[in-house]
Amino acid sequence: MPRFEALYRQFKDRGFEIVSIPVDRESSKDELIEKVRAFNARKGVTFPTVLEPAFTARYGLHPAGSHLMLFGRDGKLLEIGHILSLRRRSGPLEQRIEQALASP
């Protein structure tokens, strides 16, 4: 998460947003809220977290782990992936963010 926090801080003033989407189908909503609060505090995460089952179902997100999605300024989904897979290919992620921010 530190890499995504750094990206968020680097680009947020230009309209970039990161939204963390935990997919935990075993915890109650209250338990999940507490887990997310504790995790975000421990890791220094300041970007928003979505706790909405309908959202995760809409995009077919896998129940194991958290996901990140990259949307263009027009609201179209540009990229979606599990955090670990995005980390593995995050070298050009900054370029993809720059491209998304440059588009109308």
Protein backbone atom coordinates (compact mmCIF):
# COMPACT_ATOMS: atom_id res chain seq x y z
CA MET A 1 0.00 0.00 0.00
CA PRO A 2 2.83 2.51 0.49
CA ARG A 3 3.36 2.63 -3.30
CA PHE A 4 -0.30 3.40 -3.93
CA GLU A 5 -0.34 6.00 -1.18
CA ALA A 6 2.66 7.65 -2.82
CA LEU A 7 0.88 7.62 -6.21
CA TYR A 8 -2.23 9.09 -4.62
CA ARG A 9 -0.25 11.92 -3.02
CA GLN A 10 1.69 12.54 -6.24
CA PHE A 11 -1.34 12.85 -8.52
CA LYS A 12 -4.37 13.73 -6.34
CA ASP A 13 -4.08 17.49 -6.89
CA ARG A 14 -4.50 16.84 -10.62
CA GLY A 15 -7.80 15.02 -10.14
CA PHE A 16 -6.46 11.51 -9.61
CA GLU A 17 -8.23 9.29 -7.12
CA ILE A 18 -7.42 5.87 -5.75
CA VAL A 19 -10.18 3.85 -4.15
CA SER A 20 -9.39 0.73 -2.17
CA ILE A 21 -11.98 -2.03 -2.43
CA PRO A 22 -11.66 -4.75 0.22
CA VAL A 23 -13.58 -7.87 -0.65
CA ASP A 24 -14.26 -9.74 2.59
CA ARG A 25 -17.39 -11.83 2.50
CA GLU A 26 -16.84 -13.47 5.89
CA SER A 27 -16.81 -10.45 8.18
CA SER A 28 -19.86 -8.53 9.25
CA LYS A 29 -20.08 -4.94 8.05
CA ASP A 30 -19.07 -3.63 11.49
CA GLU A 31 -16.13 -6.05 11.64
CA LEU A 32 -15.03 -5.04 8.17
CA ILE A 33 -15.20 -1.34 9.02
CA GLU A 34 -12.98 -1.93 12.04
CA LYS A 35 -10.53 -4.04 10.00
CA VAL A 36 -10.31 -1.34 7.33
CA ARG A 37 -9.83 1.44 9.88
CA ALA A 38 -7.08 -0.49 11.64
CA PHE A 39 -5.36 -1.43 8.37
CA ASN A 40 -5.52 2.11 6.98
CA ALA A 41 -4.17 3.57 10.22
CA ARG A 42 -1.37 0.98 10.40
CA LYS A 43 -0.36 1.51 6.75
CA GLY A 44 -0.94 5.27 6.60
CA VAL A 45 -3.59 4.98 3.88
CA THR A 46 -5.43 8.26 3.25
CA PHE A 47 -7.32 7.45 0.04
CA PRO A 48 -10.95 6.31 0.23
CA THR A 49 -12.15 2.76 0.77
CA VAL A 50 -15.39 1.43 -0.70
CA LEU A 51 -17.31 -1.09 1.42
CA GLU A 52 -20.08 -1.87 -1.02
CA PRO A 53 -20.88 -5.47 -2.01
CA ALA A 54 -22.89 -4.37 -5.04
CA PHE A 55 -19.85 -2.51 -6.37
CA THR A 56 -17.61 -5.55 -6.07
CA ALA A 57 -20.24 -7.76 -7.71
CA ARG A 58 -20.74 -5.31 -10.58
CA TYR A 59 -17.08 -5.55 -11.57
CA GLY A 60 -16.67 -9.24 -10.74
CA LEU A 61 -13.97 -8.67 -8.15
CA HIS A 62 -12.41 -11.76 -6.61
CA PRO A 63 -13.25 -12.27 -2.94
CA ALA A 64 -9.61 -12.75 -1.90
CA GLY A 65 -7.91 -9.45 -1.28
CA SER A 66 -8.23 -5.85 -2.36
CA HIS A 67 -8.49 -4.38 -5.83
CA LEU A 68 -7.61 -1.12 -7.51
CA MET A 69 -9.36 0.36 -10.53
CA LEU A 70 -8.16 3.11 -12.85
CA PHE A 71 -10.87 5.27 -14.42
CA GLY A 72 -10.39 8.01 -16.98
CA ARG A 73 -11.71 11.52 -16.50
CA ASP A 74 -14.75 10.49 -18.53
CA GLY A 75 -15.59 7.82 -15.95
CA LYS A 76 -14.70 4.90 -18.21
CA LEU A 77 -12.87 2.01 -16.59
CA LEU A 78 -9.31 1.89 -17.94
CA GLU A 79 -7.83 -0.81 -15.76
CA ILE A 80 -8.82 -3.13 -12.97
CA GLY A 81 -6.73 -5.55 -11.01
CA HIS A 82 -5.89 -7.17 -7.75
CA ILE A 83 -3.35 -5.10 -5.85
CA LEU A 84 -0.67 -7.79 -6.15
CA SER A 85 -0.99 -8.07 -9.94
CA LEU A 86 -0.86 -4.28 -10.33
CA ARG A 87 2.24 -4.17 -8.14
CA ARG A 88 4.00 -6.65 -10.40
CA ARG A 89 3.41 -4.47 -13.42
CA SER A 90 3.44 -1.09 -11.70
CA GLY A 91 6.55 0.17 -13.50
CA PRO A 92 4.49 1.87 -16.22
CA LEU A 93 1.55 2.61 -13.89
CA GLU A 94 2.69 6.22 -13.56
CA GLN A 95 2.60 6.49 -17.37
CA ARG A 96 -0.93 5.07 -17.49
CA ILE A 97 -2.01 7.56 -14.83
CA GLU A 98 -0.41 10.43 -16.76
CA GLN A 99 -2.25 9.31 -19.91
CA ALA A 100 -5.57 9.10 -18.06
CA LEU A 101 -5.07 12.57 -16.58
CA ALA A 102 -4.13 14.02 -19.96
CA SER A 103 -7.28 12.80 -21.69
CA PRO A 104 -10.32 15.14 -21.77
